[in-house]
Amino acid sequence: MAELSANGLRQARRAAGLTQAELGTRVGVSRKTINTIENEVFVPSTALALRLSEVLNLPVENLFTLSKSIHEAKP
């Protein structure tokens, strides 16, 4: 099964000049939530991923990718 990877979030946040706390405040979550997403401990909901995308002014696929293609996944 494909898993979501937050490999672009930390880089995008830093490029925007935001701390984890500032980004969390802007999207309505705690600094710890941003930290756990960046460290791939927690997978954000679709709504949160879209809010992060909006605040960082980037397409959601620039922030999150699938670690395994859904086309490679076996039924």
N, C-alpha and C. Protein backbone atom coordinates (compact mmCIF):
# COMPACT_ATOMS: atom_id res chain seq x y z
N MET A 1 0.83 -1.18 0.00
CA MET A 1 0.00 0.00 0.00
C MET A 1 0.88 1.25 0.00
N ALA A 2 0.48 2.25 -0.73
CA ALA A 2 1.24 3.49 -0.82
C ALA A 2 1.10 4.28 0.47
N GLU A 3 2.20 4.88 0.90
CA GLU A 3 2.19 5.70 2.10
C GLU A 3 2.56 7.13 1.73
N LEU A 4 1.95 8.07 2.45
CA LEU A 4 2.21 9.48 2.20
C LEU A 4 3.51 9.89 2.88
N SER A 5 4.34 10.63 2.17
CA SER A 5 5.60 11.12 2.71
C SER A 5 5.58 12.64 2.71
N ALA A 6 6.02 13.23 3.82
CA ALA A 6 6.02 14.69 3.96
C ALA A 6 7.39 15.26 3.64
N ASN A 7 8.04 14.70 2.66
CA ASN A 7 9.43 15.08 2.41
C ASN A 7 9.63 16.50 1.93
N GLY A 8 8.58 17.21 1.49
CA GLY A 8 8.75 18.58 1.03
C GLY A 8 8.30 19.64 2.02
N LEU A 9 7.64 19.23 3.10
CA LEU A 9 7.05 20.21 4.02
C LEU A 9 8.11 21.04 4.74
N ARG A 10 9.10 20.41 5.32
CA ARG A 10 10.12 21.15 6.08
C ARG A 10 10.83 22.16 5.18
N GLN A 11 11.22 21.73 4.00
CA GLN A 11 11.92 22.62 3.07
C GLN A 11 11.02 23.80 2.67
N ALA A 12 9.76 23.54 2.39
CA ALA A 12 8.84 24.60 1.99
C ALA A 12 8.60 25.58 3.14
N ARG A 13 8.47 25.05 4.35
CA ARG A 13 8.26 25.91 5.52
C ARG A 13 9.46 26.82 5.74
N ARG A 14 10.64 26.25 5.66
CA ARG A 14 11.86 27.04 5.85
C ARG A 14 12.01 28.08 4.75
N ALA A 15 11.70 27.70 3.51
CA ALA A 15 11.79 28.65 2.39
C ALA A 15 10.82 29.81 2.57
N ALA A 16 9.70 29.55 3.24
CA ALA A 16 8.72 30.60 3.51
C ALA A 16 9.11 31.44 4.72
N GLY A 17 10.18 31.05 5.41
CA GLY A 17 10.65 31.80 6.58
C GLY A 17 9.77 31.63 7.80
N LEU A 18 9.13 30.47 7.90
CA LEU A 18 8.22 30.21 9.02
C LEU A 18 8.80 29.19 9.98
N THR A 19 8.53 29.38 11.26
CA THR A 19 8.86 28.36 12.24
C THR A 19 7.73 27.34 12.25
N GLN A 20 7.98 26.22 12.89
CA GLN A 20 6.91 25.22 13.02
C GLN A 20 5.71 25.82 13.76
N ALA A 21 5.97 26.61 14.78
CA ALA A 21 4.89 27.23 15.55
C ALA A 21 4.08 28.20 14.70
N GLU A 22 4.77 29.01 13.90
CA GLU A 22 4.07 29.98 13.04
C GLU A 22 3.21 29.27 12.00
N LEU A 23 3.76 28.22 11.38
CA LEU A 23 2.97 27.48 10.39
C LEU A 23 1.78 26.81 11.06
N GLY A 24 2.01 26.22 12.22
CA GLY A 24 0.92 25.59 12.95
C GLY A 24 -0.21 26.56 13.26
N THR A 25 0.15 27.74 13.72
CA THR A 25 -0.86 28.76 14.02
C THR A 25 -1.66 29.13 12.78
N ARG A 26 -0.98 29.27 11.66
CA ARG A 26 -1.66 29.66 10.42
C ARG A 26 -2.63 28.60 9.90
N VAL A 27 -2.34 27.33 10.19
CA VAL A 27 -3.23 26.26 9.70
C VAL A 27 -4.12 25.69 10.80
N GLY A 28 -3.96 26.19 12.03
CA GLY A 28 -4.84 25.78 13.12
C GLY A 28 -4.46 24.51 13.84
N VAL A 29 -3.15 24.20 13.89
CA VAL A 29 -2.67 23.04 14.64
C VAL A 29 -1.48 23.47 15.50
N SER A 30 -1.01 22.56 16.34
CA SER A 30 0.11 22.88 17.22
C SER A 30 1.45 22.74 16.49
N ARG A 31 2.48 23.31 17.10
CA ARG A 31 3.84 23.16 16.59
C ARG A 31 4.21 21.68 16.56
N LYS A 32 3.80 20.94 17.58
CA LYS A 32 4.10 19.51 17.67
C LYS A 32 3.49 18.74 16.51
N THR A 33 2.31 19.13 16.06
CA THR A 33 1.69 18.47 14.92
C THR A 33 2.52 18.69 13.67
N ILE A 34 2.99 19.93 13.46
CA ILE A 34 3.84 20.22 12.30
C ILE A 34 5.12 19.38 12.40
N ASN A 35 5.70 19.31 13.59
CA ASN A 35 6.91 18.52 13.80
C ASN A 35 6.70 17.06 13.46
N THR A 36 5.61 16.48 13.91
CA THR A 36 5.37 15.06 13.65
C THR A 36 5.07 14.80 12.18
N ILE A 37 4.47 15.76 11.49
CA ILE A 37 4.25 15.60 10.04
C ILE A 37 5.59 15.66 9.32
N GLU A 38 6.42 16.63 9.67
CA GLU A 38 7.73 16.77 9.02
C GLU A 38 8.61 15.54 9.24
N ASN A 39 8.48 14.91 10.41
CA ASN A 39 9.28 13.72 10.73
C ASN A 39 8.59 12.42 10.31
N GLU A 40 7.49 12.56 9.58
CA GLU A 40 6.73 11.44 9.03
C GLU A 40 6.25 10.45 10.08
N VAL A 41 5.92 10.98 11.28
CA VAL A 41 5.33 10.19 12.34
C VAL A 41 3.81 10.21 12.20
N PHE A 42 3.29 11.31 11.68
CA PHE A 42 1.85 11.54 11.55
C PHE A 42 1.55 11.91 10.10
N VAL A 43 0.49 11.32 9.57
CA VAL A 43 0.03 11.64 8.21
C VAL A 43 -1.13 12.61 8.35
N PRO A 44 -1.03 13.79 7.75
CA PRO A 44 -2.10 14.77 7.90
C PRO A 44 -3.37 14.35 7.15
N SER A 45 -4.48 14.84 7.62
CA SER A 45 -5.74 14.64 6.91
C SER A 45 -5.66 15.39 5.58
N THR A 46 -6.56 15.05 4.69
CA THR A 46 -6.61 15.76 3.41
C THR A 46 -6.83 17.24 3.63
N ALA A 47 -7.74 17.58 4.54
CA ALA A 47 -8.04 18.99 4.81
C ALA A 47 -6.80 19.73 5.31
N LEU A 48 -6.04 19.11 6.22
CA LEU A 48 -4.83 19.76 6.74
C LEU A 48 -3.77 19.87 5.65
N ALA A 49 -3.60 18.85 4.83
CA ALA A 49 -2.64 18.91 3.73
C ALA A 49 -2.99 20.06 2.79
N LEU A 50 -4.27 20.24 2.52
CA LEU A 50 -4.70 21.33 1.64
C LEU A 50 -4.49 22.69 2.29
N ARG A 51 -4.71 22.81 3.62
CA ARG A 51 -4.46 24.07 4.31
C ARG A 51 -2.97 24.41 4.29
N LEU A 52 -2.13 23.41 4.50
CA LEU A 52 -0.68 23.63 4.44
C LEU A 52 -0.28 24.10 3.05
N SER A 53 -0.83 23.48 2.04
CA SER A 53 -0.57 23.86 0.66
C SER A 53 -0.97 25.30 0.40
N GLU A 54 -2.12 25.67 0.89
CA GLU A 54 -2.63 27.04 0.69
C GLU A 54 -1.75 28.07 1.39
N VAL A 55 -1.41 27.81 2.64
CA VAL A 55 -0.60 28.75 3.41
C VAL A 55 0.80 28.90 2.81
N LEU A 56 1.36 27.80 2.33
CA LEU A 56 2.71 27.84 1.76
C LEU A 56 2.69 28.21 0.28
N ASN A 57 1.50 28.38 -0.27
CA ASN A 57 1.32 28.79 -1.66
C ASN A 57 2.04 27.85 -2.64
N LEU A 58 1.87 26.55 -2.38
CA LEU A 58 2.47 25.52 -3.22
C LEU A 58 1.44 24.43 -3.49
N PRO A 59 1.55 23.76 -4.62
CA PRO A 59 0.67 22.61 -4.86
C PRO A 59 0.92 21.54 -3.80
N VAL A 60 -0.12 20.86 -3.38
CA VAL A 60 0.00 19.86 -2.33
C VAL A 60 1.01 18.77 -2.71
N GLU A 61 1.13 18.47 -4.00
CA GLU A 61 2.08 17.44 -4.41
C GLU A 61 3.53 17.89 -4.26
N ASN A 62 3.77 19.19 -4.05
CA ASN A 62 5.13 19.66 -3.74
C ASN A 62 5.47 19.40 -2.28
N LEU A 63 4.46 19.25 -1.45
CA LEU A 63 4.67 19.02 -0.02
C LEU A 63 4.65 17.54 0.34
N PHE A 64 3.79 16.80 -0.32
CA PHE A 64 3.57 15.39 0.03
C PHE A 64 3.63 14.53 -1.21
N THR A 65 4.26 13.38 -1.10
CA THR A 65 4.32 12.44 -2.20
C THR A 65 3.99 11.04 -1.68
N LEU A 66 3.65 10.17 -2.59
CA LEU A 66 3.43 8.78 -2.22
C LEU A 66 4.77 8.07 -2.26
N SER A 67 5.06 7.29 -1.22
CA SER A 67 6.34 6.59 -1.17
C SER A 67 6.35 5.41 -2.12
N LYS A 68 5.19 4.94 -2.54
CA LYS A 68 5.09 3.87 -3.52
C LYS A 68 3.94 4.23 -4.44
N SER A 69 4.17 4.16 -5.71
CA SER A 69 3.14 4.50 -6.68
C SER A 69 1.90 3.64 -6.49
N ILE A 70 0.74 4.25 -6.58
CA ILE A 70 -0.49 3.48 -6.46
C ILE A 70 -0.63 2.52 -7.63
N HIS A 71 0.06 2.79 -8.73
CA HIS A 71 0.03 1.89 -9.87
C HIS A 71 0.87 0.64 -9.62
N GLU A 72 1.80 0.72 -8.69
CA GLU A 72 2.63 -0.42 -8.35
C GLU A 72 2.00 -1.29 -7.28
N ALA A 73 1.04 -0.72 -6.55
CA ALA A 73 0.40 -1.45 -5.47
C ALA A 73 -0.41 -2.61 -6.03
N LYS A 74 -0.32 -3.74 -5.37
CA LYS A 74 -1.07 -4.92 -5.79
C LYS A 74 -2.38 -4.98 -5.04
N PRO A 75 -3.43 -5.42 -5.70
CA PRO A 75 -4.76 -5.48 -5.04
C PRO A 75 -4.80 -6.46 -3.90
